[in-house]
Structures are given as C-alpha cells and as structure tokens.
C-alpha cells in the first residue's frame, strides 16, 4: 500500500468542514444506499446522531478530486455514557466481558459508522456490500486497481490507529457476518463478544485489543498502519484533550435517528 498516499489523503476530522464531509458520506451510505437511517430526518444530507459529540472521526479523501471517500468513527465511553451497542443491542453483548471494564471505561470505545461512498465502489453481481471496487469516476486503470483494493482497509486501519493514539485500546464493534472473515485475510483477528442479533440485519458484537490485533497484520499492512499511526500521533496534543472531552470539536448537528449497525 506504499502508493496509497499518492491517491488519498487520510486525516483526523476535527474541523466543521471535515465533519460535514464525514456526515455526508454517512448520509449517502446509511440513508440513501442501505436505508438504515431515515433520510427525511437528515434534510441537510448530513447523517449524525447523539453519539457524535463524544466521538472521534477519521476521513479519507481522494486527492485528485477532493471527493470524500471513506470514514470511520470511535465512540468514547466513560462512567456515565453508554456505547451505542449497550443502548441498542445490550441484550446481545457479553455482560461478563463488558463488566471487566467497569472501573476503566476510559479505556474502551466502539468502532462504528465505517463507510465507503458508493461512488468509489463497483458491484458486479455480488451481494451488496460497503466494500468493493471504484466506479463512477474517470480513473486511470492503475489508479482504479490500487485505490479500490486499498480504500476500505485504509479506513479500517485509520480507526485502529486512532484508538491506539487515543489510548483507547479496548474496542468493540457490531459487525455483519462477512466482516470478521474479511479482516482475517489481512491478519486482523476479532473475538466474539456476544450473541447474534437482528439489528438492521444480522449483527454480532466483537471485541479486540488494538495492539494485539495489529501485531498480526501482514507485513505490507503493518508498515501502512505504522505510517497512519505516526501521522495521527503528530496531533497528540489535540488528541489528548479530545480523549476525555468534547471541548475543541465544532458543534455537531444531531440527527434524530438511532445508530445503525456498526459494520
């Protein structure tokens, strides 16, 4: 993935403009494409919810066109705030596992709202998925091949890197059945953290510790991950503040719809 940065910019979304780009991707994916959220509840075309003021976001942008391409979110827990999976899928979560963090909820987070805009994907008869090949933009053949195979993984790795630099290494996510299998191909292993539940389709809670997880990455992805983590770490003073408070983030427009599945 050495050439990925020729085609993409991968950054933390901290400004109002960057957050709008994130919410616009989410609207296109979660409202327009998959229908997980009601589009009429987000008339500005920006999907956001009550968890966003307590979350940190990453954004992938296509460098040549400045088109927002992908995003990921980490929802930060504390003693008073539930994670989305606790609120909406609590009966499916392994209560014993979650209780291990009762005295250190400032070390946990939920990986959610992972999305790649459909303009960067092509589906060729397979089951509809958020991951695929680029379509809809006049790419060179080389760029299309490289970008399409790397965009989804870059978005995933950005969330993992963010959890590490925020010192939130204990991560949960509600995943569709295909995603753990996809991650395993790249050396990323997640652990079941509860039962399957029907929530915007079949989902199951999963858990991982970030440092342990990324240690299994294949060599090429390991180097790419370290590059992302080092870039995020350059913003460490800002991240240190944002890890415990919503101060410093622009105002977030809150939508009325609940969280969709975190896949």
C-alpha atoms as a PDB file:
ATOM      1  CA  UNK A   1       0.000   0.000   0.000  1.00  0.00           C
ATOM      2  CA  UNK A   2       3.031   2.224  -0.405  1.00  0.00           C
ATOM      3  CA  UNK A   3       1.399   4.249  -3.180  1.00  0.00           C
ATOM      4  CA  UNK A   4      -1.913   4.807  -1.398  1.00  0.00           C
ATOM      5  CA  UNK A   5      -0.972   8.325  -0.336  1.00  0.00           C
ATOM      6  CA  UNK A   6      -0.466   9.259  -3.981  1.00  0.00           C
ATOM      7  CA  UNK A   7      -4.204   8.856  -4.388  1.00  0.00           C
ATOM      8  CA  UNK A   8      -5.654   9.675  -0.967  1.00  0.00           C
ATOM      9  CA  UNK A   9      -5.444  11.982   1.987  1.00  0.00           C
ATOM     10  CA  UNK A  10      -6.157  10.286   5.321  1.00  0.00           C
ATOM     11  CA  UNK A  11      -6.727  12.606   8.258  1.00  0.00           C
ATOM     12  CA  UNK A  12      -8.473  13.213  11.537  1.00  0.00           C
ATOM     13  CA  UNK A  13     -11.784  15.013  11.079  1.00  0.00           C
ATOM     14  CA  UNK A  14     -11.677  17.864  13.586  1.00  0.00           C
ATOM     15  CA  UNK A  15     -12.936  20.910  11.687  1.00  0.00           C
ATOM     16  CA  UNK A  16     -16.553  21.707  10.843  1.00  0.00           C
ATOM     17  CA  UNK A  17     -15.825  21.202   7.150  1.00  0.00           C
ATOM     18  CA  UNK A  18     -14.184  17.823   7.727  1.00  0.00           C
ATOM     19  CA  UNK A  19     -17.049  16.664   9.930  1.00  0.00           C
ATOM     20  CA  UNK A  20     -19.546  17.704   7.270  1.00  0.00           C
ATOM     21  CA  UNK A  21     -17.635  15.527   4.802  1.00  0.00           C
ATOM     22  CA  UNK A  22     -17.863  12.606   7.236  1.00  0.00           C
ATOM     23  CA  UNK A  23     -21.584  13.111   7.812  1.00  0.00           C
ATOM     24  CA  UNK A  24     -22.183  13.450   4.067  1.00  0.00           C
ATOM     25  CA  UNK A  25     -20.537  10.077   3.412  1.00  0.00           C
ATOM     26  CA  UNK A  26     -22.634   8.547   6.168  1.00  0.00           C
ATOM     27  CA  UNK A  27     -25.812  10.010   4.712  1.00  0.00           C
ATOM     28  CA  UNK A  28     -25.052   8.526   1.303  1.00  0.00           C
ATOM     29  CA  UNK A  29     -24.182   5.118   2.749  1.00  0.00           C
ATOM     30  CA  UNK A  30     -26.523   4.726   5.720  1.00  0.00           C
ATOM     31  CA  UNK A  31     -29.545   6.689   4.452  1.00  0.00           C
ATOM     32  CA  UNK A  32     -29.525   6.638   0.650  1.00  0.00           C
ATOM     33  CA  UNK A  33     -27.786   3.375  -0.164  1.00  0.00           C
ATOM     34  CA  UNK A  34     -28.674   0.961   2.632  1.00  0.00           C
ATOM     35  CA  UNK A  35     -31.693   2.664   4.194  1.00  0.00           C
ATOM     36  CA  UNK A  36     -30.550   2.043   7.763  1.00  0.00           C
ATOM     37  CA  UNK A  37     -31.475   5.599   8.714  1.00  0.00           C
ATOM     38  CA  UNK A  38     -34.436   7.701   7.597  1.00  0.00           C
ATOM     39  CA  UNK A  39     -33.263  10.285   5.061  1.00  0.00           C
ATOM     40  CA  UNK A  40     -36.098  12.670   5.993  1.00  0.00           C
ATOM     41  CA  UNK A  41     -34.623  13.013   9.474  1.00  0.00           C
ATOM     42  CA  UNK A  42     -31.463  14.449   7.938  1.00  0.00           C
ATOM     43  CA  UNK A  43     -32.755  17.048   5.444  1.00  0.00           C
ATOM     44  CA  UNK A  44     -29.345  18.682   5.077  1.00  0.00           C
ATOM     45  CA  UNK A  45     -27.924  15.436   3.717  1.00  0.00           C
ATOM     46  CA  UNK A  46     -25.646  15.025   6.742  1.00  0.00           C
ATOM     47  CA  UNK A  47     -26.209  11.936   8.914  1.00  0.00           C
ATOM     48  CA  UNK A  48     -25.267  12.444  12.556  1.00  0.00           C
ATOM     49  CA  UNK A  49     -26.533  11.228  15.904  1.00  0.00           C
ATOM     50  CA  UNK A  50     -26.340  11.810  19.638  1.00  0.00           C
ATOM     51  CA  UNK A  51     -23.045   9.917  19.929  1.00  0.00           C
ATOM     52  CA  UNK A  52     -21.067  12.183  17.606  1.00  0.00           C
ATOM     53  CA  UNK A  53     -20.218  14.882  20.183  1.00  0.00           C
ATOM     54  CA  UNK A  54     -18.431  12.161  22.173  1.00  0.00           C
ATOM     55  CA  UNK A  55     -16.749  10.529  19.207  1.00  0.00           C
ATOM     56  CA  UNK A  56     -13.628  10.983  17.118  1.00  0.00           C
ATOM     57  CA  UNK A  57     -13.678  10.608  13.362  1.00  0.00           C
ATOM     58  CA  UNK A  58     -11.296   9.791  10.528  1.00  0.00           C
ATOM     59  CA  UNK A  59     -11.728  10.844   6.903  1.00  0.00           C
ATOM     60  CA  UNK A  60     -10.269   9.535   3.649  1.00  0.00           C
ATOM     61  CA  UNK A  61     -10.391  11.927   0.686  1.00  0.00           C
ATOM     62  CA  UNK A  62      -9.464  11.266  -2.940  1.00  0.00           C
ATOM     63  CA  UNK A  63      -6.516  13.587  -3.502  1.00  0.00           C
ATOM     64  CA  UNK A  64      -7.019  14.480  -7.163  1.00  0.00           C
ATOM     65  CA  UNK A  65     -10.718  15.371  -6.885  1.00  0.00           C
ATOM     66  CA  UNK A  66     -11.021  16.263  -3.166  1.00  0.00           C
ATOM     67  CA  UNK A  67     -14.073  13.980  -3.055  1.00  0.00           C
ATOM     68  CA  UNK A  68     -14.674  12.489   0.427  1.00  0.00           C
ATOM     69  CA  UNK A  69     -14.330   8.730   0.045  1.00  0.00           C
ATOM     70  CA  UNK A  70     -14.448   6.959   3.397  1.00  0.00           C
ATOM     71  CA  UNK A  71     -14.844   7.480   7.121  1.00  0.00           C
ATOM     72  CA  UNK A  72     -14.771   5.728  10.481  1.00  0.00           C
ATOM     73  CA  UNK A  73     -15.867   6.686  13.979  1.00  0.00           C
ATOM     74  CA  UNK A  74     -14.755   5.824  17.503  1.00  0.00           C
ATOM     75  CA  UNK A  75     -17.369   6.426  20.199  1.00  0.00           C
ATOM     76  CA  UNK A  76     -15.686   7.082  23.549  1.00  0.00           C
ATOM     77  CA  UNK A  77     -17.208   5.591  26.699  1.00  0.00           C
ATOM     78  CA  UNK A  78     -16.991   6.883  30.242  1.00  0.00           C
ATOM     79  CA  UNK A  79     -18.651   6.156  33.582  1.00  0.00           C
ATOM     80  CA  UNK A  80     -21.826   7.987  32.560  1.00  0.00           C
ATOM     81  CA  UNK A  81     -22.109   7.363  28.806  1.00  0.00           C
ATOM     82  CA  UNK A  82     -23.145   4.102  27.223  1.00  0.00           C
ATOM     83  CA  UNK A  83     -21.718   2.883  23.964  1.00  0.00           C
ATOM     84  CA  UNK A  84     -24.223   2.563  21.104  1.00  0.00           C
ATOM     85  CA  UNK A  85     -24.153  -1.232  21.313  1.00  0.00           C
ATOM     86  CA  UNK A  86     -25.044  -1.054  25.009  1.00  0.00           C
ATOM     87  CA  UNK A  87     -28.049   1.122  24.310  1.00  0.00           C
ATOM     88  CA  UNK A  88     -29.442  -0.580  21.224  1.00  0.00           C
ATOM     89  CA  UNK A  89     -28.104  -4.153  21.382  1.00  0.00           C
ATOM     90  CA  UNK A  90     -27.393  -4.581  25.071  1.00  0.00           C
ATOM     91  CA  UNK A  91     -29.127  -7.949  25.336  1.00  0.00           C
ATOM     92  CA  UNK A  92     -26.682  -9.389  22.785  1.00  0.00           C
ATOM     93  CA  UNK A  93     -23.478  -8.176  24.482  1.00  0.00           C
ATOM     94  CA  UNK A  94     -21.486 -10.460  26.791  1.00  0.00           C
ATOM     95  CA  UNK A  95     -22.186  -8.759  30.120  1.00  0.00           C
ATOM     96  CA  UNK A  96     -19.308 -10.517  31.880  1.00  0.00           C
ATOM     97  CA  UNK A  97     -16.784  -9.262  29.327  1.00  0.00           C
ATOM     98  CA  UNK A  98     -18.111  -5.716  29.420  1.00  0.00           C
ATOM     99  CA  UNK A  99     -18.117  -5.689  33.228  1.00  0.00           C
ATOM    100  CA  UNK A 100     -14.345  -6.207  33.193  1.00  0.00           C
ATOM    101  CA  UNK A 101     -14.113  -2.552  32.174  1.00  0.00           C
ATOM    102  CA  UNK A 102     -16.452  -1.120  34.823  1.00  0.00           C
ATOM    103  CA  UNK A 103     -13.538   0.587  36.573  1.00  0.00           C
ATOM    104  CA  UNK A 104     -11.731   1.645  33.399  1.00  0.00           C
ATOM    105  CA  UNK A 105     -14.341   2.702  30.913  1.00  0.00           C
ATOM    106  CA  UNK A 106     -11.990   5.446  29.782  1.00  0.00           C
ATOM    107  CA  UNK A 107     -10.014   2.686  28.043  1.00  0.00           C
ATOM    108  CA  UNK A 108     -12.857   1.419  25.830  1.00  0.00           C
ATOM    109  CA  UNK A 109     -14.506   2.633  22.664  1.00  0.00           C
ATOM    110  CA  UNK A 110     -16.835   1.417  19.947  1.00  0.00           C
ATOM    111  CA  UNK A 111     -15.762   1.295  16.306  1.00  0.00           C
ATOM    112  CA  UNK A 112     -18.756   2.321  14.207  1.00  0.00           C
ATOM    113  CA  UNK A 113     -20.109   4.176  11.186  1.00  0.00           C
ATOM    114  CA  UNK A 114     -17.485   2.681   8.905  1.00  0.00           C
ATOM    115  CA  UNK A 115     -18.363   3.664   5.360  1.00  0.00           C
ATOM    116  CA  UNK A 116     -17.027   3.982   1.829  1.00  0.00           C
ATOM    117  CA  UNK A 117     -19.041   6.158  -0.531  1.00  0.00           C
ATOM    118  CA  UNK A 118     -20.644   4.149  -3.321  1.00  0.00           C
ATOM    119  CA  UNK A 119     -19.131   6.453  -5.952  1.00  0.00           C
ATOM    120  CA  UNK A 120     -15.850   4.677  -5.195  1.00  0.00           C
ATOM    121  CA  UNK A 121     -17.265   1.177  -5.495  1.00  0.00           C
ATOM    122  CA  UNK A 122     -18.428  -1.121  -8.244  1.00  0.00           C
ATOM    123  CA  UNK A 123     -20.620  -4.134  -7.615  1.00  0.00           C
ATOM    124  CA  UNK A 124     -20.540  -6.868 -10.201  1.00  0.00           C
ATOM    125  CA  UNK A 125     -23.458  -9.051  -9.200  1.00  0.00           C
ATOM    126  CA  UNK A 126     -22.215  -9.879  -5.713  1.00  0.00           C
ATOM    127  CA  UNK A 127     -24.269  -9.342  -2.551  1.00  0.00           C
ATOM    128  CA  UNK A 128     -24.478  -5.622  -1.760  1.00  0.00           C
ATOM    129  CA  UNK A 129     -21.559  -4.674   0.452  1.00  0.00           C
ATOM    130  CA  UNK A 130     -19.959  -1.490   1.654  1.00  0.00           C
ATOM    131  CA  UNK A 131     -16.686  -2.716   0.209  1.00  0.00           C
ATOM    132  CA  UNK A 132     -15.924  -3.082  -3.462  1.00  0.00           C
ATOM    133  CA  UNK A 133     -14.236  -1.559  -6.487  1.00  0.00           C
ATOM    134  CA  UNK A 134     -14.269   2.031  -7.631  1.00  0.00           C
ATOM    135  CA  UNK A 135     -16.849   3.103 -10.136  1.00  0.00           C
ATOM    136  CA  UNK A 136     -18.305   6.416 -11.231  1.00  0.00           C
ATOM    137  CA  UNK A 137     -15.123   8.459 -11.564  1.00  0.00           C
ATOM    138  CA  UNK A 138     -12.801   8.649 -14.554  1.00  0.00           C
ATOM    139  CA  UNK A 139      -9.856   6.828 -13.005  1.00  0.00           C
ATOM    140  CA  UNK A 140      -6.800   5.583 -14.762  1.00  0.00           C
ATOM    141  CA  UNK A 141      -6.761   1.780 -14.811  1.00  0.00           C
ATOM    142  CA  UNK A 142      -3.787   1.651 -12.452  1.00  0.00           C
ATOM    143  CA  UNK A 143      -5.352   4.093 -10.024  1.00  0.00           C
ATOM    144  CA  UNK A 144      -8.650   2.231 -10.004  1.00  0.00           C
ATOM    145  CA  UNK A 145      -6.991  -1.087  -9.232  1.00  0.00           C
ATOM    146  CA  UNK A 146      -4.799   0.238  -6.455  1.00  0.00           C
ATOM    147  CA  UNK A 147      -7.331   2.590  -4.904  1.00  0.00           C
ATOM    148  CA  UNK A 148     -10.246   0.183  -4.894  1.00  0.00           C
ATOM    149  CA  UNK A 149      -8.273  -2.587  -3.220  1.00  0.00           C
ATOM    150  CA  UNK A 150      -6.906  -0.299  -0.515  1.00  0.00           C
ATOM    151  CA  UNK A 151      -9.621   2.212   0.376  1.00  0.00           C
ATOM    152  CA  UNK A 152     -11.689   0.023   2.693  1.00  0.00           C
ATOM    153  CA  UNK A 153      -8.616  -1.297   4.503  1.00  0.00           C
ATOM    154  CA  UNK A 154      -7.213   2.217   4.917  1.00  0.00           C
ATOM    155  CA  UNK A 155     -10.490   3.297   6.505  1.00  0.00           C
ATOM    156  CA  UNK A 156     -10.379   0.348   8.913  1.00  0.00           C
ATOM    157  CA  UNK A 157      -6.731   0.935   9.809  1.00  0.00           C
ATOM    158  CA  UNK A 158      -7.407   4.618  10.431  1.00  0.00           C
ATOM    159  CA  UNK A 159      -9.875   3.702  13.167  1.00  0.00           C
ATOM    160  CA  UNK A 160      -7.442   1.248  14.726  1.00  0.00           C
ATOM    161  CA  UNK A 161      -4.639   3.805  14.713  1.00  0.00           C
ATOM    162  CA  UNK A 162      -6.923   6.382  16.278  1.00  0.00           C
ATOM    163  CA  UNK A 163      -7.834   4.006  19.114  1.00  0.00           C
ATOM    164  CA  UNK A 164      -4.158   3.465  19.855  1.00  0.00           C
ATOM    165  CA  UNK A 165      -3.094   7.114  19.898  1.00  0.00           C
ATOM    166  CA  UNK A 166      -6.157   7.986  22.000  1.00  0.00           C
ATOM    167  CA  UNK A 167      -5.142   5.254  24.451  1.00  0.00           C
ATOM    168  CA  UNK A 168      -8.491   3.542  23.957  1.00  0.00           C
ATOM    169  CA  UNK A 169      -7.094   0.112  23.078  1.00  0.00           C
ATOM    170  CA  UNK A 170     -10.122  -1.953  24.118  1.00  0.00           C
ATOM    171  CA  UNK A 171     -12.513  -1.815  21.186  1.00  0.00           C
ATOM    172  CA  UNK A 172     -15.973  -3.166  20.498  1.00  0.00           C
ATOM    173  CA  UNK A 173     -17.996  -3.225  17.295  1.00  0.00           C
ATOM    174  CA  UNK A 174     -21.261  -4.619  15.977  1.00  0.00           C
ATOM    175  CA  UNK A 175     -20.354  -6.415  12.750  1.00  0.00           C
ATOM    176  CA  UNK A 176     -22.082  -8.111   9.881  1.00  0.00           C
ATOM    177  CA  UNK A 177     -21.024 -11.769   9.415  1.00  0.00           C
ATOM    178  CA  UNK A 178     -18.767 -11.070   6.418  1.00  0.00           C
ATOM    179  CA  UNK A 179     -16.509  -8.508   8.102  1.00  0.00           C
ATOM    180  CA  UNK A 180     -14.580 -10.729  10.572  1.00  0.00           C
ATOM    181  CA  UNK A 181     -13.788 -13.086   7.692  1.00  0.00           C
ATOM    182  CA  UNK A 182     -12.593 -10.155   5.581  1.00  0.00           C
ATOM    183  CA  UNK A 183     -10.406  -8.857   8.397  1.00  0.00           C
ATOM    184  CA  UNK A 184      -8.891 -12.291   8.990  1.00  0.00           C
ATOM    185  CA  UNK A 185      -7.485 -12.341   5.459  1.00  0.00           C
ATOM    186  CA  UNK A 186      -5.320  -9.363   6.391  1.00  0.00           C
ATOM    187  CA  UNK A 187      -4.221 -10.788   9.729  1.00  0.00           C
ATOM    188  CA  UNK A 188      -6.746  -8.888  11.856  1.00  0.00           C
ATOM    189  CA  UNK A 189      -8.449 -11.167  14.394  1.00  0.00           C
ATOM    190  CA  UNK A 190     -11.544 -10.122  16.346  1.00  0.00           C
ATOM    191  CA  UNK A 191     -13.213 -12.060  19.155  1.00  0.00           C
ATOM    192  CA  UNK A 192     -16.908 -12.734  19.618  1.00  0.00           C
ATOM    193  CA  UNK A 193     -18.311 -10.607  22.431  1.00  0.00           C
ATOM    194  CA  UNK A 194     -21.895 -11.785  22.497  1.00  0.00           C
ATOM    195  CA  UNK A 195     -24.729 -13.285  20.521  1.00  0.00           C
ATOM    196  CA  UNK A 196     -26.100 -12.609  17.067  1.00  0.00           C
ATOM    197  CA  UNK A 197     -28.969 -10.136  16.906  1.00  0.00           C
ATOM    198  CA  UNK A 198     -31.223  -8.866  14.141  1.00  0.00           C
ATOM    199  CA  UNK A 199     -30.459  -5.147  14.038  1.00  0.00           C
ATOM    200  CA  UNK A 200     -30.514  -3.681  10.543  1.00  0.00           C
ATOM    201  CA  UNK A 201     -29.769  -7.244   9.505  1.00  0.00           C
ATOM    202  CA  UNK A 202     -27.766  -9.888  11.318  1.00  0.00           C
ATOM    203  CA  UNK A 203     -25.084  -8.460  13.622  1.00  0.00           C
ATOM    204  CA  UNK A 204     -22.850  -9.731  16.419  1.00  0.00           C
ATOM    205  CA  UNK A 205     -20.735  -7.801  18.950  1.00  0.00           C
ATOM    206  CA  UNK A 206     -16.974  -8.286  18.678  1.00  0.00           C
ATOM    207  CA  UNK A 207     -14.027  -7.211  20.816  1.00  0.00           C
ATOM    208  CA  UNK A 208     -10.307  -6.687  20.271  1.00  0.00           C
ATOM    209  CA  UNK A 209      -7.300  -5.100  21.924  1.00  0.00           C
ATOM    210  CA  UNK A 210      -5.745  -2.877  19.289  1.00  0.00           C
ATOM    211  CA  UNK A 211      -2.049  -3.559  19.888  1.00  0.00           C
ATOM    212  CA  UNK A 212      -2.642  -7.301  19.914  1.00  0.00           C
ATOM    213  CA  UNK A 213      -4.822  -7.055  16.829  1.00  0.00           C
ATOM    214  CA  UNK A 214      -2.438  -5.065  14.648  1.00  0.00           C
ATOM    215  CA  UNK A 215       0.512  -7.279  15.624  1.00  0.00           C
ATOM    216  CA  UNK A 216      -0.987  -9.907  13.345  1.00  0.00           C
ATOM    217  CA  UNK A 217      -1.171  -7.679  10.281  1.00  0.00           C
ATOM    218  CA  UNK A 218       0.553  -8.903   7.155  1.00  0.00           C
ATOM    219  CA  UNK A 219       3.866  -7.113   6.608  1.00  0.00           C
ATOM    220  CA  UNK A 220       2.696  -4.644   3.964  1.00  0.00           C
ATOM    221  CA  UNK A 221      -0.285  -3.571   6.053  1.00  0.00           C
ATOM    222  CA  UNK A 222       1.857  -3.386   9.190  1.00  0.00           C
ATOM    223  CA  UNK A 223       4.023  -0.724   7.548  1.00  0.00           C
ATOM    224  CA  UNK A 224       0.968   1.158   6.312  1.00  0.00           C
ATOM    225  CA  UNK A 225      -0.627   1.049   9.763  1.00  0.00           C
ATOM    226  CA  UNK A 226       2.506   2.435  11.406  1.00  0.00           C
ATOM    227  CA  UNK A 227       2.538   5.279   8.876  1.00  0.00           C
ATOM    228  CA  UNK A 228      -1.063   6.168   9.747  1.00  0.00           C
ATOM    229  CA  UNK A 229      -0.447   5.921  13.481  1.00  0.00           C
ATOM    230  CA  UNK A 230       2.622   8.142  13.293  1.00  0.00           C
ATOM    231  CA  UNK A 231       0.708  10.744  11.294  1.00  0.00           C
ATOM    232  CA  UNK A 232      -2.106  10.779  13.860  1.00  0.00           C
ATOM    233  CA  UNK A 233       0.373  10.919  16.733  1.00  0.00           C
ATOM    234  CA  UNK A 234       1.638  14.253  15.396  1.00  0.00           C
ATOM    235  CA  UNK A 235      -1.701  15.656  16.574  1.00  0.00           C
ATOM    236  CA  UNK A 236      -1.177  14.163  20.041  1.00  0.00           C
ATOM    237  CA  UNK A 237      -1.706  17.444  21.989  1.00  0.00           C
ATOM    238  CA  UNK A 238      -5.122  17.864  20.389  1.00  0.00           C
ATOM    239  CA  UNK A 239      -5.966  14.189  20.770  1.00  0.00           C
ATOM    240  CA  UNK A 240      -5.022  14.187  24.447  1.00  0.00           C
ATOM    241  CA  UNK A 241      -7.651  16.851  25.073  1.00  0.00           C
ATOM    242  CA  UNK A 242     -10.236  15.244  22.837  1.00  0.00           C
ATOM    243  CA  UNK A 243      -9.837  11.856  24.518  1.00  0.00           C
ATOM    244  CA  UNK A 244     -11.759  12.952  27.594  1.00  0.00           C
ATOM    245  CA  UNK A 245     -13.997  15.792  26.458  1.00  0.00           C
ATOM    246  CA  UNK A 246     -15.946  17.139  23.523  1.00  0.00           C
ATOM    247  CA  UNK A 247     -14.250  20.507  24.001  1.00  0.00           C
ATOM    248  CA  UNK A 248     -12.412  21.622  20.912  1.00  0.00           C
ATOM    249  CA  UNK A 249     -14.769  19.968  18.461  1.00  0.00           C
ATOM    250  CA  UNK A 250     -17.052  22.142  16.365  1.00  0.00           C
ATOM    251  CA  UNK A 251     -20.763  21.990  17.132  1.00  0.00           C
ATOM    252  CA  UNK A 252     -22.228  18.770  15.779  1.00  0.00           C
ATOM    253  CA  UNK A 253     -25.707  18.770  14.286  1.00  0.00           C
ATOM    254  CA  UNK A 254     -27.557  15.918  15.915  1.00  0.00           C
ATOM    255  CA  UNK A 255     -29.941  13.792  13.904  1.00  0.00           C
ATOM    256  CA  UNK A 256     -32.945  12.117  15.470  1.00  0.00           C
ATOM    257  CA  UNK A 257     -32.345   8.620  14.152  1.00  0.00           C
ATOM    258  CA  UNK A 258     -30.678   5.930  16.298  1.00  0.00           C
ATOM    259  CA  UNK A 259     -27.383   4.330  15.493  1.00  0.00           C
ATOM    260  CA  UNK A 260     -27.333   1.825  12.695  1.00  0.00           C
ATOM    261  CA  UNK A 261     -25.252  -1.318  12.945  1.00  0.00           C
ATOM    262  CA  UNK A 262     -21.600  -0.519  13.385  1.00  0.00           C
ATOM    263  CA  UNK A 263     -20.461  -2.509  10.406  1.00  0.00           C
END
